[in-house]
Protein backbone atom coordinates (compact mmCIF):
# COMPACT_ATOMS: atom_id res chain seq x y z
CA MET A 1 224.08 30.17 150.32
CA ASN A 2 221.49 32.68 150.13
CA PRO A 3 221.40 34.69 153.84
CA ASP A 4 217.67 33.92 153.75
CA GLU A 5 218.76 30.07 152.99
CA ALA A 6 220.39 30.15 156.02
CA LEU A 7 217.73 31.69 158.65
CA ILE A 8 214.79 30.28 157.21
CA PRO A 9 215.55 26.22 156.31
CA ARG A 10 213.31 25.43 152.98
CA LEU A 11 210.66 23.08 153.73
CA PRO A 12 210.12 19.96 151.75
CA LEU A 13 206.70 19.88 151.27
CA GLY A 14 206.71 19.00 147.93
CA ASP A 15 208.20 15.58 148.84
CA TRP A 16 206.22 14.84 151.59
CA THR A 17 203.55 14.93 149.58
CA GLU A 18 205.34 12.43 146.11
CA SER A 19 206.30 10.14 149.47
CA GLY A 20 202.53 10.21 151.01
CA ILE A 21 201.28 9.33 147.69
CA ASP A 22 203.95 6.31 147.08
CA TRP A 23 202.82 5.15 149.90
CA LEU A 24 199.10 5.06 149.05
CA LYS A 25 199.95 3.73 146.01
CA ASP A 26 201.63 0.71 147.74
CA ASN A 27 199.07 0.42 150.32
CA ALA A 28 195.67 1.37 148.51
CA ALA A 29 195.76 -0.05 145.16
CA TRP A 30 193.05 -2.27 146.07
CA ALA A 31 190.36 0.80 146.36
CA PHE A 32 192.27 2.75 143.38
CA ASP A 33 191.34 -0.20 141.00
CA ALA A 34 187.36 -0.45 142.50
CA PHE A 35 187.58 3.34 141.72
CA THR A 36 188.83 2.73 138.05
CA TRP A 37 186.49 -0.17 137.75
CA VAL A 38 183.73 1.93 139.09
CA MET A 39 184.60 5.20 137.32
CA GLU A 40 184.82 3.27 133.32
CA LEU A 41 182.30 0.72 134.19
CA LEU A 42 179.83 4.03 134.58
CA VAL A 43 181.57 6.54 132.35
CA GLU A 44 181.65 4.03 129.34
CA ASN A 45 178.12 2.83 129.60
CA LEU A 46 176.74 6.62 130.10
CA THR A 47 178.14 6.99 127.01
CA ALA A 48 177.22 4.23 125.04
CA GLY A 49 173.34 4.69 126.05
CA LEU A 50 173.78 8.14 124.59
CA LEU A 51 174.96 7.71 121.80
CA PHE A 52 173.05 4.71 121.39
CA LEU A 53 169.58 7.08 119.77
CA PRO A 54 170.92 8.57 117.01
CA ALA A 55 171.69 12.18 116.97
CA LEU A 56 169.17 13.44 115.16
CA LEU A 57 166.33 11.43 118.03
CA MET A 58 168.33 12.52 120.10
CA ILE A 59 168.81 16.41 120.22
CA PRO A 60 165.26 16.48 119.73
CA LEU A 61 164.51 14.56 122.95
CA MET A 62 167.08 17.38 125.17
CA ALA A 63 164.65 20.40 122.90
CA LEU A 64 161.84 18.09 124.66
CA LEU A 65 163.51 18.08 127.90
CA ALA A 66 164.64 22.07 127.77
CA TRP A 67 160.82 22.61 127.42
CA ALA A 68 159.55 20.51 129.85
CA VAL A 69 161.46 21.68 133.44
CA ARG A 70 162.56 25.57 131.72
CA SER A 71 159.96 27.12 128.14
CA TRP A 72 159.62 26.31 124.94
CA ARG A 73 162.54 28.83 124.43
CA LEU A 74 165.65 26.80 125.95
CA ALA A 75 164.36 24.31 123.37
CA VAL A 76 164.59 26.42 120.65
CA GLY A 77 167.67 27.29 121.55
CA THR A 78 168.71 23.98 122.27
CA LEU A 79 167.72 22.13 119.13
CA ILE A 80 169.92 25.04 117.51
CA MET A 81 172.53 24.52 119.68
CA MET A 82 172.52 20.65 118.95
CA LEU A 83 172.19 20.81 115.69
CA ALA A 84 175.14 23.46 115.27
CA VAL A 85 176.96 21.01 116.81
CA LEU A 86 176.20 18.31 114.87
CA ALA A 87 177.07 20.19 111.61
CA MET A 88 180.32 20.63 113.27
CA ASP A 89 180.71 16.96 113.61
CA GLN A 90 181.13 17.25 117.33
CA TRP A 91 178.37 15.30 118.87
CA VAL A 92 180.42 12.25 119.95
CA PRO A 93 183.06 14.67 121.27
CA MET A 94 180.61 16.77 123.04
CA VAL A 95 178.40 13.45 124.72
CA GLN A 96 181.95 11.46 125.66
CA THR A 97 182.33 15.35 127.84
CA MET A 98 178.62 15.06 129.16
CA ALA A 99 178.60 11.11 130.35
CA LEU A 100 181.33 12.55 132.19
CA VAL A 101 180.39 15.89 133.15
CA ILE A 102 176.72 13.57 134.47
CA VAL A 103 179.40 11.10 136.90
CA ALA A 104 181.84 13.53 137.96
CA THR A 105 178.55 16.13 138.80
CA VAL A 106 176.90 13.07 140.72
CA PHE A 107 179.70 11.76 142.38
CA ALA A 108 181.11 15.57 143.46
CA VAL A 109 177.22 16.76 144.47
CA ALA A 110 176.49 13.01 146.36
CA ILE A 111 180.17 14.12 148.34
CA ALA A 112 179.19 17.88 148.97
CA VAL A 113 175.79 18.17 149.68
CA PRO A 114 175.97 16.02 152.91
CA LEU A 115 179.80 17.61 153.87
CA GLY A 116 177.50 20.68 153.26
CA ILE A 117 174.30 19.85 155.61
CA LEU A 118 177.21 18.81 157.96
CA ALA A 119 179.35 21.49 158.54
CA ALA A 120 175.85 24.27 158.64
CA MET A 121 175.00 22.28 161.34
CA ASN A 122 177.49 21.86 163.60
CA SER A 123 180.55 25.05 163.50
CA SER A 124 183.41 22.86 164.84
CA VAL A 125 182.56 20.60 161.13
CA SER A 126 182.36 24.55 159.65
CA ALA A 127 185.74 25.59 160.89
CA ILE A 128 187.59 22.41 159.70
CA VAL A 129 186.30 22.34 156.18
CA LYS A 130 186.46 25.81 155.46
CA PRO A 131 190.02 26.11 154.62
CA ILE A 132 190.10 22.23 153.20
CA MET A 133 187.92 24.30 151.27
CA ASP A 134 189.67 27.23 150.46
CA PHE A 135 192.79 24.73 149.14
CA MET A 136 191.18 22.93 147.09
CA GLN A 137 189.52 25.91 144.79
CA THR A 138 192.48 28.05 144.70
CA MET A 139 194.90 24.98 143.99
CA PRO A 140 195.60 25.72 139.82
CA ALA A 141 193.66 23.08 137.92
CA PHE A 142 196.94 21.63 136.11
CA VAL A 143 198.37 20.32 139.57
CA TYR A 144 195.08 17.88 140.68
CA LEU A 145 195.91 15.92 136.47
CA ILE A 146 199.84 15.05 138.73
CA PRO A 147 198.45 12.44 141.36
CA ALA A 148 195.60 11.74 139.72
CA VAL A 149 197.72 10.48 136.51
CA THR A 150 200.18 8.77 139.48
CA PHE A 151 197.01 6.94 140.91
CA PHE A 152 195.57 6.20 137.58
CA SER A 153 197.84 6.20 134.36
CA ILE A 154 196.83 8.05 131.77
CA GLY A 155 193.15 7.90 130.47
CA LEU A 156 189.90 8.19 131.16
CA VAL A 157 189.88 8.06 135.25
CA PRO A 158 192.32 10.15 136.11
CA GLY A 159 190.07 12.55 134.17
CA ILE A 160 187.33 11.93 136.21
CA PHE A 161 189.03 12.31 139.23
CA SER A 162 190.52 15.25 139.31
CA THR A 163 187.20 16.53 138.26
CA ILE A 164 185.23 15.53 140.59
CA ILE A 165 187.98 16.99 143.47
CA PHE A 166 188.23 19.98 141.18
CA ALA A 167 184.32 20.69 141.30
CA LEU A 168 183.42 19.90 144.73
CA PRO A 169 183.97 23.43 146.48
CA PRO A 170 181.06 25.16 145.34
CA GLY A 171 179.13 22.08 145.90
CA VAL A 172 179.89 22.03 150.06
CA ARG A 173 179.95 25.92 150.11
CA MET A 174 176.82 26.95 149.09
CA THR A 175 174.75 23.72 150.13
CA GLU A 176 175.96 25.37 153.89
CA LEU A 177 174.90 28.51 153.17
CA GLY A 178 171.70 27.44 151.59
CA ILE A 179 170.98 25.80 154.81
CA ARG A 180 171.98 28.40 157.36
CA GLN A 181 170.37 31.19 155.34
CA VAL A 182 167.27 29.79 156.46
CA ASP A 183 164.69 32.22 158.65
CA ALA A 184 165.00 31.77 162.09
CA GLU A 185 161.74 32.42 162.68
CA THR A 186 160.70 29.70 160.02
CA VAL A 187 162.87 26.66 162.06
CA GLU A 188 160.30 27.72 164.76
CA ALA A 189 157.72 27.73 163.69
CA GLY A 190 158.62 24.17 163.22
CA GLU A 191 160.79 23.46 166.62
CA SER A 192 157.23 25.22 167.73
CA PHE A 193 155.20 22.04 166.35
CA GLY A 194 157.24 19.76 167.90
CA ALA A 195 159.53 18.94 165.09
CA THR A 196 162.54 16.88 165.80
CA ARG A 197 165.90 18.73 163.68
CA GLY A 198 165.86 15.95 161.38
CA GLN A 199 162.49 16.73 160.61
CA ILE A 200 163.63 20.26 160.30
CA LEU A 201 166.33 19.70 158.76
CA ARG A 202 163.94 17.54 155.64
CA GLY A 203 160.91 19.16 155.72
CA ILE A 204 161.86 23.61 156.04
CA GLN A 205 165.76 23.99 155.71
CA PHE A 206 166.37 21.74 153.01
CA PRO A 207 163.13 22.44 150.93
CA LEU A 208 164.18 26.43 150.99
CA ALA A 209 167.93 26.29 150.46
CA VAL A 210 166.83 24.16 147.10
CA PRO A 211 167.74 27.19 144.95
CA THR A 212 170.62 28.24 146.87
CA ILE A 213 171.70 24.46 146.28
CA MET A 214 171.06 24.27 142.99
CA ALA A 215 173.26 27.20 142.67
CA GLY A 216 176.54 25.87 143.32
CA VAL A 217 175.16 22.13 141.41
CA ASN A 218 175.50 24.75 138.83
CA GLN A 219 178.74 25.86 140.03
CA VAL A 220 179.82 22.05 140.74
CA ILE A 221 178.63 21.48 136.88
CA MET A 222 180.78 24.64 135.21
CA LEU A 223 184.25 23.50 137.18
CA ALA A 224 184.12 20.05 136.12
CA LEU A 225 183.24 21.46 132.08
CA SER A 226 186.52 23.36 132.11
CA MET A 227 187.97 20.51 133.98
CA ALA A 228 187.41 18.08 131.94
CA VAL A 229 188.45 19.84 129.19
CA ILE A 230 192.00 20.44 131.11
CA ALA A 231 191.37 16.91 131.12
CA GLY A 232 192.53 16.21 128.03
CA MET A 233 195.38 16.18 128.59
CA ALA A 234 196.11 12.73 130.50
CA GLY A 235 194.60 11.79 127.98
CA THR A 236 190.84 11.61 128.29
CA ASP A 237 188.06 11.15 125.68
CA GLY A 238 185.75 14.11 125.51
CA SER A 239 186.39 17.28 123.02
CA GLY A 240 188.52 18.23 125.80
CA LYS A 241 191.62 16.38 124.03
CA LEU A 242 190.29 17.81 120.71
CA VAL A 243 191.45 21.69 122.15
CA VAL A 244 194.09 19.73 123.78
CA GLN A 245 195.16 18.99 120.05
CA ALA A 246 194.50 22.16 118.90
CA ILE A 247 196.55 23.55 120.24
CA SER A 248 199.58 21.09 120.27
CA THR A 249 199.00 21.63 116.58
CA LEU A 250 198.19 25.29 115.99
CA ASP A 251 194.32 23.93 114.76
CA LEU A 252 192.76 27.18 114.77
CA PRO A 253 189.74 25.21 113.22
CA LEU A 254 189.37 22.18 114.99
CA GLY A 255 189.69 24.28 118.16
CA VAL A 256 187.11 26.27 117.57
CA GLU A 257 184.62 23.59 116.87
CA ALA A 258 185.40 21.77 119.97
CA GLY A 259 185.40 24.84 122.11
CA LEU A 260 181.70 25.28 120.86
CA GLY A 261 180.95 22.00 121.70
CA VAL A 262 181.48 22.81 124.99
CA VAL A 263 179.45 25.78 124.81
CA ALA A 264 176.18 24.79 124.17
CA LEU A 265 176.79 21.54 126.01
CA ALA A 266 177.58 24.13 129.18
CA VAL A 267 174.88 26.47 128.26
CA PHE A 268 171.94 23.65 127.87
CA LEU A 269 173.13 21.93 131.59
CA ASP A 270 172.76 25.24 133.15
CA ARG A 271 169.80 26.19 132.64
CA VAL A 272 167.99 22.84 132.40
CA THR A 273 169.20 22.29 136.19
CA ALA A 274 169.47 26.03 137.18
CA ALA A 275 165.25 25.11 136.67
CA LEU A 276 164.76 22.19 138.77
CA GLY A 277 165.81 24.72 142.69
CA ASN A 278 162.54 25.73 142.56
CA PRO A 279 160.70 24.54 146.34
CA GLY A 280 157.67 25.37 147.47
CA ASP A 281 156.62 28.16 149.65
CA TYR A 282 156.82 26.78 153.23
CA LYS A 283 158.60 29.86 154.73
CA THR A 284 155.07 31.84 154.46
CA SER A 285 152.69 29.54 155.93
CA LEU A 286 154.60 28.18 158.60
CA ILE A 287 155.35 31.56 160.22
CA ALA A 288 151.36 32.05 159.58
CA LEU A 289 150.68 28.87 162.14
CA ALA A 290 153.45 30.03 164.35
CA LYS A 291 151.96 33.71 164.82
CA ARG A 292 148.25 32.23 165.33
CA ARG A 293 149.89 28.73 167.95
CA ARG A 294 151.39 32.52 169.94
CA ALA A 295 147.91 34.13 170.07
CA ALA A 296 146.45 30.95 171.05
CA THR A 297 148.88 30.08 173.62
CA PRO A 298 147.00 31.76 177.29
CA ALA A 299 149.51 34.19 178.79
């Protein structure tokens, strides 16, 4: 026996994890079945909806959306990128990946934003959440596929499950950071008008934190895209499945074309979501009002 093994016994953490997963499979099968039903319903219907319109109609609509939220330059770039994707016969896989990323991002953000707000408002929650987020963010992406496939078998659901888990941490971190970075004078101005804690959060802190939160949403989308490609190893349809197929067959043209489809989708989603984080200027007006109130208050 190795002397080190005699001094420090082996920690069977992996075996404990496997036992925990087996227990969950035996006692929470109803929850996994419900999750499977919801995810398949959402992703498959969203994919069908996106593919219902012809690509030559859908692409101009995407360009119009880019123009409406950002600029004509992004609209032209979107038009060129998406036409290139269509010309490479990557439109359907890209749309399948888009549907998966949209659903995963919505669920990840729906969990991350409230959790980030709670962590920003409560130091004890923050102390608990931070190491968990560190663990989730540093765990290799491939590892998430193991319990996902164990719970849900091969197909769409393990891919979206692992994508939600992998993409979650930036949303929590950036939401907490955005709320905590709101200037104390701005919060004090709201308090001076008698606003409650909830009103300050809804009317001051959250709007001012929107750019930081949207930066977190961007990161969630980017991580969801990267995980959606890896999820192709679990049989999830989309560009990731084609990338995995290209790797297994050393098919360079297929890999390049599928990868460019992911790049085009990533650029479009990133630029559109980045353009949405433009809150009003609450800070200047509130500080000015607070100063006038103090000046009017007798000493």
